Amino acid sequence: MFGRTRLPLKSSDDIRAMRRAGLVTGSALRASALAARPGMTTQDVDAVAHDHMRERGVTPSFLGYHGFPATLCISVNDEVVHGIPGPRVLSEGDVVSLDCGAIVDGWHGDSALTFVVGASDDNPAGAARVAARHAGEDPHLDEAGLIAAAGGDAVRSLVLATEGSMWAGIRALAAGKRLNDVGSQVEAALRTGYAELADFEIVDGYTGHGVGRELHQEPTVYNEAVSERLPKVETGLVVAVEPMVTLGTYETHELDDGWTVKTDDGSLAAHFEHTVAVTERGLWVLTAHDGGRSALGDLYGGLDD
């Protein structure tokens, strides 16, 4: 008789160690987003994250990973994920996704966000507000607040709805439930909760994942409902929840550089991600400065309080 699938679980001490990696990941991501300006190259933005980590004695997770040549993945407009920083110059209005990982004492953190370059500091899709919410330092946008903040603008809607769908997936990570609930809630947020904003598509073939002493490990964390019966969520599970969403097709292709993934129809894409631990107290967002307290409310379960 076959046994049930065993998830790679972490002890409380392991999770506290991962929190240290998560905090540096989050601060490097925020510093890079806030530095991004029209006229900068994506390589310039990558240098901000690289210097931020080196000044703290931290190793970038992505640099050298299967040959990846940079500290950040930077994806612009119709690029979904895994964009390689280089000479591309950012322009006002570009939709930029930054994906960042850091290693502390052998443990990884992994986080991503998307923002509109050159947007004003009070624009909810601009770097200042997105980064502050991602860290938990600005108020979390509930469904009604998010729809109002989108203001009928398609690009703003894409950024905010992707962010909101990530939090919907994170909130589904309750011990005793199945990982299926994460993808189901991400999809429900986009197809139902935010459906009035745009016809969103979830990128096919890309998922969240477990995080630990390896950047990517089991389990697979889907961004949509799947028929496969996935494992139950257990205390000690640490995963990255990371929806990737477009304003057009769900179909993508990889460029000749072997990394950059673009939408087939040239539609804009957004990507949000946090590393989340399931503790005996609830959920702890390891890559958010506030641990996810502002977004999770009663579901928050940090171990250092």
C-alpha atoms as a PDB file:
ATOM      1  CA  MET A   1       0.000   0.000   0.000  1.00  0.00           C
ATOM      2  CA  PHE A   2       1.387   3.365  -0.958  1.00  0.00           C
ATOM      3  CA  GLY A   3       2.052   5.879   1.817  1.00  0.00           C
ATOM      4  CA  ARG A   4       0.962   9.466   1.631  1.00  0.00           C
ATOM      5  CA  THR A   5       3.285  12.066   0.158  1.00  0.00           C
ATOM      6  CA  ARG A   6       5.566  13.540   2.802  1.00  0.00           C
ATOM      7  CA  LEU A   7       6.136  17.256   2.546  1.00  0.00           C
ATOM      8  CA  PRO A   8       9.521  18.755   3.499  1.00  0.00           C
ATOM      9  CA  LEU A   9       8.651  20.370   6.841  1.00  0.00           C
ATOM     10  CA  LYS A  10      10.692  22.824   8.891  1.00  0.00           C
ATOM     11  CA  SER A  11      11.115  23.106  12.647  1.00  0.00           C
ATOM     12  CA  SER A  12      10.352  26.351  14.478  1.00  0.00           C
ATOM     13  CA  ASP A  13      14.084  27.078  14.621  1.00  0.00           C
ATOM     14  CA  ASP A  14      14.384  26.451  10.883  1.00  0.00           C
ATOM     15  CA  ILE A  15      11.535  28.874  10.218  1.00  0.00           C
ATOM     16  CA  ARG A  16      13.130  31.539  12.418  1.00  0.00           C
ATOM     17  CA  ALA A  17      16.341  31.121  10.410  1.00  0.00           C
ATOM     18  CA  MET A  18      14.366  31.424   7.185  1.00  0.00           C
ATOM     19  CA  ARG A  19      12.810  34.613   8.503  1.00  0.00           C
ATOM     20  CA  ARG A  20      16.264  36.204   8.490  1.00  0.00           C
ATOM     21  CA  ALA A  21      16.687  35.295   4.822  1.00  0.00           C
ATOM     22  CA  GLY A  22      13.171  36.555   4.127  1.00  0.00           C
ATOM     23  CA  LEU A  23      13.793  39.933   5.713  1.00  0.00           C
ATOM     24  CA  VAL A  24      16.900  40.590   3.601  1.00  0.00           C
ATOM     25  CA  THR A  25      15.081  39.383   0.492  1.00  0.00           C
ATOM     26  CA  GLY A  26      12.234  41.786   1.232  1.00  0.00           C
ATOM     27  CA  SER A  27      14.465  44.760   1.976  1.00  0.00           C
ATOM     28  CA  ALA A  28      16.564  44.221  -1.169  1.00  0.00           C
ATOM     29  CA  LEU A  29      13.418  43.937  -3.259  1.00  0.00           C
ATOM     30  CA  ARG A  30      11.977  47.126  -1.805  1.00  0.00           C
ATOM     31  CA  ALA A  31      15.240  49.067  -2.227  1.00  0.00           C
ATOM     32  CA  SER A  32      15.402  48.036  -5.874  1.00  0.00           C
ATOM     33  CA  ALA A  33      11.786  48.971  -6.581  1.00  0.00           C
ATOM     34  CA  LEU A  34      12.157  52.381  -4.960  1.00  0.00           C
ATOM     35  CA  ALA A  35      15.363  53.064  -6.894  1.00  0.00           C
ATOM     36  CA  ALA A  36      13.867  52.290 -10.304  1.00  0.00           C
ATOM     37  CA  ARG A  37      13.378  55.416 -12.412  1.00  0.00           C
ATOM     38  CA  PRO A  38      12.816  56.244 -16.077  1.00  0.00           C
ATOM     39  CA  GLY A  39      16.212  56.392 -17.764  1.00  0.00           C
ATOM     40  CA  MET A  40      17.799  53.685 -15.602  1.00  0.00           C
ATOM     41  CA  THR A  41      18.762  50.378 -17.159  1.00  0.00           C
ATOM     42  CA  THR A  42      17.552  47.112 -15.735  1.00  0.00           C
ATOM     43  CA  GLN A  43      21.213  46.387 -14.971  1.00  0.00           C
ATOM     44  CA  ASP A  44      21.291  49.554 -12.835  1.00  0.00           C
ATOM     45  CA  VAL A  45      18.303  48.288 -10.836  1.00  0.00           C
ATOM     46  CA  ASP A  46      19.942  44.887 -10.407  1.00  0.00           C
ATOM     47  CA  ALA A  47      23.052  46.584  -9.004  1.00  0.00           C
ATOM     48  CA  VAL A  48      20.932  48.116  -6.218  1.00  0.00           C
ATOM     49  CA  ALA A  49      19.839  44.663  -5.025  1.00  0.00           C
ATOM     50  CA  HIS A  50      23.325  43.219  -5.435  1.00  0.00           C
ATOM     51  CA  ASP A  51      24.955  45.995  -3.380  1.00  0.00           C
ATOM     52  CA  HIS A  52      22.188  45.797  -0.750  1.00  0.00           C
ATOM     53  CA  MET A  53      22.915  42.115  -0.185  1.00  0.00           C
ATOM     54  CA  ARG A  54      26.693  42.371  -0.303  1.00  0.00           C
ATOM     55  CA  GLU A  55      26.672  45.188   2.258  1.00  0.00           C
ATOM     56  CA  ARG A  56      24.856  42.791   4.602  1.00  0.00           C
ATOM     57  CA  GLY A  57      27.096  39.826   3.897  1.00  0.00           C
ATOM     58  CA  VAL A  58      24.281  37.950   2.182  1.00  0.00           C
ATOM     59  CA  THR A  59      24.454  35.726  -0.902  1.00  0.00           C
ATOM     60  CA  PRO A  60      21.989  36.281  -3.777  1.00  0.00           C
ATOM     61  CA  SER A  61      19.910  33.165  -4.470  1.00  0.00           C
ATOM     62  CA  PHE A  62      19.625  33.727  -8.197  1.00  0.00           C
ATOM     63  CA  LEU A  63      23.177  34.729  -9.147  1.00  0.00           C
ATOM     64  CA  GLY A  64      24.726  31.628 -10.722  1.00  0.00           C
ATOM     65  CA  TYR A  65      21.584  29.517 -10.207  1.00  0.00           C
ATOM     66  CA  HIS A  66      21.677  27.141 -13.194  1.00  0.00           C
ATOM     67  CA  GLY A  67      23.862  29.813 -14.797  1.00  0.00           C
ATOM     68  CA  PHE A  68      21.565  32.802 -14.246  1.00  0.00           C
ATOM     69  CA  PRO A  69      23.828  35.879 -14.517  1.00  0.00           C
ATOM     70  CA  ALA A  70      22.234  38.404 -12.120  1.00  0.00           C
ATOM     71  CA  THR A  71      20.880  39.067  -8.638  1.00  0.00           C
ATOM     72  CA  LEU A  72      17.332  39.952  -9.720  1.00  0.00           C
ATOM     73  CA  CYS A  73      15.007  38.675 -12.380  1.00  0.00           C
ATOM     74  CA  ILE A  74      13.632  41.835 -14.020  1.00  0.00           C
ATOM     75  CA  SER A  75      10.741  41.402 -16.432  1.00  0.00           C
ATOM     76  CA  VAL A  76       9.301  44.374 -18.330  1.00  0.00           C
ATOM     77  CA  ASN A  77       5.837  44.777 -19.885  1.00  0.00           C
ATOM     78  CA  ASP A  78       5.086  41.570 -21.832  1.00  0.00           C
ATOM     79  CA  GLU A  79       7.900  39.690 -20.087  1.00  0.00           C
ATOM     80  CA  VAL A  80       6.369  37.475 -17.394  1.00  0.00           C
ATOM     81  CA  VAL A  81       9.310  36.093 -15.413  1.00  0.00           C
ATOM     82  CA  HIS A  82      13.052  35.366 -15.469  1.00  0.00           C
ATOM     83  CA  GLY A  83      14.069  38.490 -17.365  1.00  0.00           C
ATOM     84  CA  ILE A  84      17.845  39.024 -17.399  1.00  0.00           C
ATOM     85  CA  PRO A  85      18.975  42.526 -16.331  1.00  0.00           C
ATOM     86  CA  GLY A  86      20.959  44.330 -18.988  1.00  0.00           C
ATOM     87  CA  PRO A  87      21.148  47.516 -21.075  1.00  0.00           C
ATOM     88  CA  ARG A  88      17.383  47.941 -21.521  1.00  0.00           C
ATOM     89  CA  VAL A  89      16.392  51.470 -20.482  1.00  0.00           C
ATOM     90  CA  LEU A  90      13.228  51.836 -18.421  1.00  0.00           C
ATOM     91  CA  SER A  91      10.596  54.286 -19.602  1.00  0.00           C
ATOM     92  CA  GLU A  92       7.755  55.990 -17.767  1.00  0.00           C
ATOM     93  CA  GLY A  93       4.740  53.706 -17.716  1.00  0.00           C
ATOM     94  CA  ASP A  94       6.669  50.454 -18.073  1.00  0.00           C
ATOM     95  CA  VAL A  95       5.238  47.586 -16.034  1.00  0.00           C
ATOM     96  CA  VAL A  96       8.195  46.051 -14.196  1.00  0.00           C
ATOM     97  CA  SER A  97       8.309  42.835 -12.194  1.00  0.00           C
ATOM     98  CA  LEU A  98      11.228  42.292  -9.825  1.00  0.00           C
ATOM     99  CA  ASP A  99      11.917  38.815  -8.424  1.00  0.00           C
ATOM    100  CA  CYS A 100      14.487  38.525  -5.642  1.00  0.00           C
ATOM    101  CA  GLY A 101      16.048  35.794  -3.517  1.00  0.00           C
ATOM    102  CA  ALA A 102      18.655  35.791  -0.765  1.00  0.00           C
ATOM    103  CA  ILE A 103      20.524  33.121   1.193  1.00  0.00           C
ATOM    104  CA  VAL A 104      21.281  33.508   4.912  1.00  0.00           C
ATOM    105  CA  ASP A 105      22.988  30.642   6.763  1.00  0.00           C
ATOM    106  CA  GLY A 106      22.019  28.284   3.959  1.00  0.00           C
ATOM    107  CA  TRP A 107      18.305  29.198   3.937  1.00  0.00           C
ATOM    108  CA  HIS A 108      16.556  30.925   1.037  1.00  0.00           C
ATOM    109  CA  GLY A 109      13.957  33.671   0.816  1.00  0.00           C
ATOM    110  CA  ASP A 110      12.022  34.367  -2.392  1.00  0.00           C
ATOM    111  CA  SER A 111       9.740  37.310  -3.195  1.00  0.00           C
ATOM    112  CA  ALA A 112       8.473  39.329  -6.161  1.00  0.00           C
ATOM    113  CA  LEU A 113       6.393  42.402  -6.923  1.00  0.00           C
ATOM    114  CA  THR A 114       5.235  44.436  -9.906  1.00  0.00           C
ATOM    115  CA  PHE A 115       4.874  48.209 -10.292  1.00  0.00           C
ATOM    116  CA  VAL A 116       4.519  50.957 -12.873  1.00  0.00           C
ATOM    117  CA  VAL A 117       7.727  52.903 -13.507  1.00  0.00           C
ATOM    118  CA  GLY A 118       7.510  56.653 -12.946  1.00  0.00           C
ATOM    119  CA  ALA A 119       4.093  56.533 -11.278  1.00  0.00           C
ATOM    120  CA  SER A 120       3.482  59.123  -8.568  1.00  0.00           C
ATOM    121  CA  ASP A 121       4.044  58.219  -4.936  1.00  0.00           C
ATOM    122  CA  ASP A 122       0.301  58.195  -4.313  1.00  0.00           C
ATOM    123  CA  ASN A 123      -0.468  55.900  -7.257  1.00  0.00           C
ATOM    124  CA  PRO A 124      -1.432  52.487  -5.760  1.00  0.00           C
ATOM    125  CA  ALA A 125       0.363  50.727  -8.636  1.00  0.00           C
ATOM    126  CA  GLY A 126       3.541  52.813  -8.307  1.00  0.00           C
ATOM    127  CA  ALA A 127       6.708  51.508  -6.683  1.00  0.00           C
ATOM    128  CA  ALA A 128       6.297  53.446  -3.430  1.00  0.00           C
ATOM    129  CA  ARG A 129       2.815  52.154  -2.588  1.00  0.00           C
ATOM    130  CA  VAL A 130       3.311  48.632  -3.956  1.00  0.00           C
ATOM    131  CA  ALA A 131       6.550  48.178  -2.024  1.00  0.00           C
ATOM    132  CA  ALA A 132       5.024  49.566   1.174  1.00  0.00           C
ATOM    133  CA  ARG A 133       2.036  47.210   0.972  1.00  0.00           C
ATOM    134  CA  HIS A 134       4.287  44.276   0.111  1.00  0.00           C
ATOM    135  CA  ALA A 135       6.274  44.967   3.274  1.00  0.00           C
ATOM    136  CA  GLY A 136       3.121  45.448   5.337  1.00  0.00           C
ATOM    137  CA  GLU A 137       3.845  49.084   6.068  1.00  0.00           C
ATOM    138  CA  ASP A 138       0.846  50.434   4.116  1.00  0.00           C
ATOM    139  CA  PRO A 139      -2.690  49.219   4.813  1.00  0.00           C
ATOM    140  CA  HIS A 140      -3.694  46.049   3.009  1.00  0.00           C
ATOM    141  CA  LEU A 141      -6.288  46.511   0.253  1.00  0.00           C
ATOM    142  CA  ASP A 142      -9.343  44.314   0.737  1.00  0.00           C
ATOM    143  CA  GLU A 143     -11.422  43.346  -2.293  1.00  0.00           C
ATOM    144  CA  ALA A 144     -13.601  46.469  -2.285  1.00  0.00           C
ATOM    145  CA  GLY A 145     -10.644  48.745  -1.594  1.00  0.00           C
ATOM    146  CA  LEU A 146      -8.608  47.163  -4.360  1.00  0.00           C
ATOM    147  CA  ILE A 147     -11.364  47.563  -6.936  1.00  0.00           C
ATOM    148  CA  ALA A 148     -11.808  51.196  -5.936  1.00  0.00           C
ATOM    149  CA  ALA A 149      -8.049  51.819  -6.062  1.00  0.00           C
ATOM    150  CA  ALA A 150      -7.850  50.363  -9.568  1.00  0.00           C
ATOM    151  CA  GLY A 151     -10.036  53.228 -10.739  1.00  0.00           C
ATOM    152  CA  GLY A 152     -10.981  51.552 -14.000  1.00  0.00           C
ATOM    153  CA  ASP A 153      -7.410  51.667 -15.317  1.00  0.00           C
ATOM    154  CA  ALA A 154      -6.333  48.406 -17.003  1.00  0.00           C
ATOM    155  CA  VAL A 155      -2.666  48.518 -16.025  1.00  0.00           C
ATOM    156  CA  ARG A 156      -3.410  49.479 -12.448  1.00  0.00           C
ATOM    157  CA  SER A 157      -6.031  46.723 -12.361  1.00  0.00           C
ATOM    158  CA  LEU A 158      -3.485  44.143 -13.536  1.00  0.00           C
ATOM    159  CA  VAL A 159      -0.972  45.077 -10.841  1.00  0.00           C
ATOM    160  CA  LEU A 160      -3.496  45.262  -8.013  1.00  0.00           C
ATOM    161  CA  ALA A 161      -5.480  42.154  -8.962  1.00  0.00           C
ATOM    162  CA  THR A 162      -2.307  40.059  -9.185  1.00  0.00           C
ATOM    163  CA  GLU A 163      -1.286  41.339  -5.755  1.00  0.00           C
ATOM    164  CA  GLY A 164      -4.745  40.581  -4.373  1.00  0.00           C
ATOM    165  CA  SER A 165      -4.782  37.078  -5.842  1.00  0.00           C
ATOM    166  CA  MET A 166      -1.465  36.314  -4.125  1.00  0.00           C
ATOM    167  CA  TRP A 167      -2.968  37.220  -0.758  1.00  0.00           C
ATOM    168  CA  ALA A 168      -6.054  35.142  -1.530  1.00  0.00           C
ATOM    169  CA  GLY A 169      -3.777  32.151  -2.120  1.00  0.00           C
ATOM    170  CA  ILE A 170      -1.739  32.821   1.011  1.00  0.00           C
ATOM    171  CA  ARG A 171      -4.847  32.985   3.190  1.00  0.00           C
ATOM    172  CA  ALA A 172      -5.835  29.519   1.906  1.00  0.00           C
ATOM    173  CA  LEU A 173      -2.694  27.989   3.484  1.00  0.00           C
ATOM    174  CA  ALA A 174      -4.414  26.699   6.611  1.00  0.00           C
ATOM    175  CA  ALA A 175      -3.117  23.574   8.343  1.00  0.00           C
ATOM    176  CA  GLY A 176      -5.354  20.606   7.594  1.00  0.00           C
ATOM    177  CA  LYS A 177      -6.556  21.939   4.251  1.00  0.00           C
ATOM    178  CA  ARG A 178      -5.143  20.770   0.938  1.00  0.00           C
ATOM    179  CA  LEU A 179      -2.755  22.700  -1.269  1.00  0.00           C
ATOM    180  CA  ASN A 180      -5.515  22.632  -3.893  1.00  0.00           C
ATOM    181  CA  ASP A 181      -7.162  25.458  -1.953  1.00  0.00           C
ATOM    182  CA  VAL A 182      -4.289  27.833  -2.749  1.00  0.00           C
ATOM    183  CA  GLY A 183      -4.711  27.617  -6.514  1.00  0.00           C
ATOM    184  CA  SER A 184      -8.490  27.587  -6.244  1.00  0.00           C
ATOM    185  CA  GLN A 185      -8.473  30.817  -4.253  1.00  0.00           C
ATOM    186  CA  VAL A 186      -5.976  32.527  -6.574  1.00  0.00           C
ATOM    187  CA  GLU A 187      -8.173  31.653  -9.524  1.00  0.00           C
ATOM    188  CA  ALA A 188     -11.399  32.626  -7.746  1.00  0.00           C
ATOM    189  CA  ALA A 189      -9.968  36.047  -6.890  1.00  0.00           C
ATOM    190  CA  LEU A 190      -9.137  36.728 -10.528  1.00  0.00           C
ATOM    191  CA  ARG A 191     -12.163  35.103 -12.151  1.00  0.00           C
ATOM    192  CA  THR A 192     -14.779  36.272  -9.650  1.00  0.00           C
ATOM    193  CA  GLY A 193     -13.539  38.779  -7.081  1.00  0.00           C
ATOM    194  CA  TYR A 194     -11.784  41.064  -9.541  1.00  0.00           C
ATOM    195  CA  ALA A 195     -13.590  40.003 -12.715  1.00  0.00           C
ATOM    196  CA  GLU A 196     -15.170  43.434 -13.196  1.00  0.00           C
ATOM    197  CA  LEU A 197     -11.710  44.970 -13.620  1.00  0.00           C
ATOM    198  CA  ALA A 198     -10.497  42.984 -16.646  1.00  0.00           C
ATOM    199  CA  ASP A 199     -10.426  39.571 -18.305  1.00  0.00           C
ATOM    200  CA  PHE A 200      -7.348  38.253 -16.554  1.00  0.00           C
ATOM    201  CA  GLU A 201      -5.498  35.095 -17.556  1.00  0.00           C
ATOM    202  CA  ILE A 202      -3.258  32.980 -15.339  1.00  0.00           C
ATOM    203  CA  VAL A 203       0.028  32.096 -17.007  1.00  0.00           C
ATOM    204  CA  ASP A 204       0.164  28.421 -17.929  1.00  0.00           C
ATOM    205  CA  GLY A 205       2.995  26.156 -16.782  1.00  0.00           C
ATOM    206  CA  TYR A 206       4.489  28.309 -14.014  1.00  0.00           C
ATOM    207  CA  THR A 207       3.807  27.712 -10.329  1.00  0.00           C
ATOM    208  CA  GLY A 208       4.847  28.424  -6.782  1.00  0.00           C
ATOM    209  CA  HIS A 209       7.023  25.963  -4.896  1.00  0.00           C
ATOM    210  CA  GLY A 210       8.500  24.886  -1.617  1.00  0.00           C
ATOM    211  CA  VAL A 211      11.408  26.908  -0.227  1.00  0.00           C
ATOM    212  CA  GLY A 212      14.130  25.880   2.199  1.00  0.00           C
ATOM    213  CA  ARG A 213      17.802  25.024   1.870  1.00  0.00           C
ATOM    214  CA  GLU A 214      17.030  24.771  -1.827  1.00  0.00           C
ATOM    215  CA  LEU A 215      15.467  27.683  -3.675  1.00  0.00           C
ATOM    216  CA  HIS A 216      12.948  25.382  -5.347  1.00  0.00           C
ATOM    217  CA  GLN A 217      11.742  22.202  -3.678  1.00  0.00           C
ATOM    218  CA  GLU A 218       8.536  20.253  -3.241  1.00  0.00           C
ATOM    219  CA  PRO A 219       5.628  20.836  -3.177  1.00  0.00           C
ATOM    220  CA  THR A 220       4.326  22.437  -6.358  1.00  0.00           C
ATOM    221  CA  VAL A 221       1.934  25.293  -5.523  1.00  0.00           C
ATOM    222  CA  TYR A 222      -0.480  25.853  -8.385  1.00  0.00           C
ATOM    223  CA  ASN A 223      -1.989  29.209  -9.310  1.00  0.00           C
ATOM    224  CA  GLU A 224      -5.315  27.740 -10.427  1.00  0.00           C
ATOM    225  CA  ALA A 225      -7.680  24.935  -9.542  1.00  0.00           C
ATOM    226  CA  VAL A 226      -6.373  21.476 -10.475  1.00  0.00           C
ATOM    227  CA  SER A 227      -8.058  18.081 -10.336  1.00  0.00           C
ATOM    228  CA  GLU A 228      -5.004  16.363  -8.881  1.00  0.00           C
ATOM    229  CA  ARG A 229      -5.413  15.599  -5.169  1.00  0.00           C
ATOM    230  CA  LEU A 230      -2.581  17.565  -3.575  1.00  0.00           C
ATOM    231  CA  PRO A 231      -1.060  17.006  -0.113  1.00  0.00           C
ATOM    232  CA  LYS A 232      -2.576  18.400   3.050  1.00  0.00           C
ATOM    233  CA  VAL A 233      -1.029  21.535   4.508  1.00  0.00           C
ATOM    234  CA  GLU A 234       0.920  20.792   7.685  1.00  0.00           C
ATOM    235  CA  THR A 235       2.620  22.890  10.329  1.00  0.00           C
ATOM    236  CA  GLY A 236       6.218  23.436   9.241  1.00  0.00           C
ATOM    237  CA  LEU A 237       5.422  23.810   5.546  1.00  0.00           C
ATOM    238  CA  VAL A 238       7.182  26.739   3.844  1.00  0.00           C
ATOM    239  CA  VAL A 239       6.175  27.678   0.302  1.00  0.00           C
ATOM    240  CA  ALA A 240       6.306  30.509  -2.195  1.00  0.00           C
ATOM    241  CA  VAL A 241       2.891  31.611  -3.437  1.00  0.00           C
ATOM    242  CA  GLU A 242       3.413  33.442  -6.743  1.00  0.00           C
ATOM    243  CA  PRO A 243       0.643  34.108  -9.249  1.00  0.00           C
ATOM    244  CA  MET A 244       1.638  35.312 -12.713  1.00  0.00           C
ATOM    245  CA  VAL A 245      -1.201  37.069 -14.530  1.00  0.00           C
ATOM    246  CA  THR A 246      -1.727  38.727 -17.921  1.00  0.00           C
ATOM    247  CA  LEU A 247      -4.187  41.050 -19.633  1.00  0.00           C
ATOM    248  CA  GLY A 248      -4.236  38.735 -22.643  1.00  0.00           C
ATOM    249  CA  THR A 249      -3.289  35.144 -23.302  1.00  0.00           C
ATOM    250  CA  TYR A 250      -2.101  32.554 -20.794  1.00  0.00           C
ATOM    251  CA  GLU A 251       0.340  31.243 -23.416  1.00  0.00           C
ATOM    252  CA  THR A 252       4.022  32.173 -23.279  1.00  0.00           C
ATOM    253  CA  HIS A 253       7.351  31.388 -24.889  1.00  0.00           C
ATOM    254  CA  GLU A 254      10.954  31.479 -23.734  1.00  0.00           C
ATOM    255  CA  LEU A 255      13.423  33.719 -25.552  1.00  0.00           C
ATOM    256  CA  ASP A 256      16.699  32.554 -27.051  1.00  0.00           C
ATOM    257  CA  ASP A 257      18.539  33.686 -23.902  1.00  0.00           C
ATOM    258  CA  GLY A 258      17.128  30.557 -22.246  1.00  0.00           C
ATOM    259  CA  TRP A 259      15.488  32.510 -19.423  1.00  0.00           C
ATOM    260  CA  THR A 260      13.140  35.357 -20.317  1.00  0.00           C
ATOM    261  CA  VAL A 261       9.485  34.296 -20.623  1.00  0.00           C
ATOM    262  CA  LYS A 262       7.151  36.504 -22.711  1.00  0.00           C
ATOM    263  CA  THR A 263       3.435  36.412 -23.469  1.00  0.00           C
ATOM    264  CA  ASP A 264       2.673  35.088 -26.939  1.00  0.00           C
ATOM    265  CA  ASP A 265       0.374  37.998 -27.798  1.00  0.00           C
ATOM    266  CA  GLY A 266       2.484  40.801 -26.338  1.00  0.00           C
ATOM    267  CA  SER A 267       0.029  41.465 -23.509  1.00  0.00           C
ATOM    268  CA  LEU A 268       1.197  42.959 -20.220  1.00  0.00           C
ATOM    269  CA  ALA A 269       2.012  40.653 -17.310  1.00  0.00           C
ATOM    270  CA  ALA A 270       2.391  40.974 -13.542  1.00  0.00           C
ATOM    271  CA  HIS A 271       3.948  38.746 -10.871  1.00  0.00           C
ATOM    272  CA  PHE A 272       3.717  38.824  -7.071  1.00  0.00           C
ATOM    273  CA  GLU A 273       5.309  36.413  -4.599  1.00  0.00           C
ATOM    274  CA  HIS A 274       5.896  35.910  -0.889  1.00  0.00           C
ATOM    275  CA  THR A 275       7.546  33.091   1.047  1.00  0.00           C
ATOM    276  CA  VAL A 276       5.091  31.867   3.696  1.00  0.00           C
ATOM    277  CA  ALA A 277       5.517  29.519   6.666  1.00  0.00           C
ATOM    278  CA  VAL A 278       2.717  27.551   8.315  1.00  0.00           C
ATOM    279  CA  THR A 279       3.418  27.665  12.055  1.00  0.00           C
ATOM    280  CA  GLU A 280       1.615  26.298  15.095  1.00  0.00           C
ATOM    281  CA  ARG A 281       0.232  29.825  15.527  1.00  0.00           C
ATOM    282  CA  GLY A 282      -0.949  30.442  11.960  1.00  0.00           C
ATOM    283  CA  LEU A 283       0.761  31.947   8.911  1.00  0.00           C
ATOM    284  CA  TRP A 284       4.016  33.888   8.884  1.00  0.00           C
ATOM    285  CA  VAL A 285       4.979  35.734   5.699  1.00  0.00           C
ATOM    286  CA  LEU A 286       8.743  35.490   5.979  1.00  0.00           C
ATOM    287  CA  THR A 287       9.513  38.013   3.222  1.00  0.00           C
ATOM    288  CA  ALA A 288       7.181  40.775   4.503  1.00  0.00           C
ATOM    289  CA  HIS A 289       8.595  43.209   7.061  1.00  0.00           C
ATOM    290  CA  ASP A 290       5.476  42.870   9.230  1.00  0.00           C
ATOM    291  CA  GLY A 291       5.297  39.122   8.706  1.00  0.00           C
ATOM    292  CA  GLY A 292       1.950  39.513   6.966  1.00  0.00           C
ATOM    293  CA  ARG A 293       0.124  40.819  10.022  1.00  0.00           C
ATOM    294  CA  SER A 294      -1.647  43.686   8.219  1.00  0.00           C
ATOM    295  CA  ALA A 295      -2.963  41.448   5.426  1.00  0.00           C
ATOM    296  CA  LEU A 296      -3.724  38.303   7.410  1.00  0.00           C
ATOM    297  CA  GLY A 297      -5.392  39.580  10.565  1.00  0.00           C
ATOM    298  CA  ASP A 298      -6.388  36.616  12.749  1.00  0.00           C
ATOM    299  CA  LEU A 299      -4.531  34.189  10.458  1.00  0.00           C
ATOM    300  CA  TYR A 300      -1.184  35.779  11.354  1.00  0.00           C
ATOM    301  CA  GLY A 301       1.083  33.437  13.282  1.00  0.00           C
ATOM    302  CA  GLY A 302       4.588  34.847  13.628  1.00  0.00           C
ATOM    303  CA  LEU A 303       6.956  33.041  15.992  1.00  0.00           C
ATOM    304  CA  ASP A 304       8.918  36.046  17.246  1.00  0.00           C
ATOM    305  CA  ASP A 305       6.057  37.958  18.918  1.00  0.00           C
END
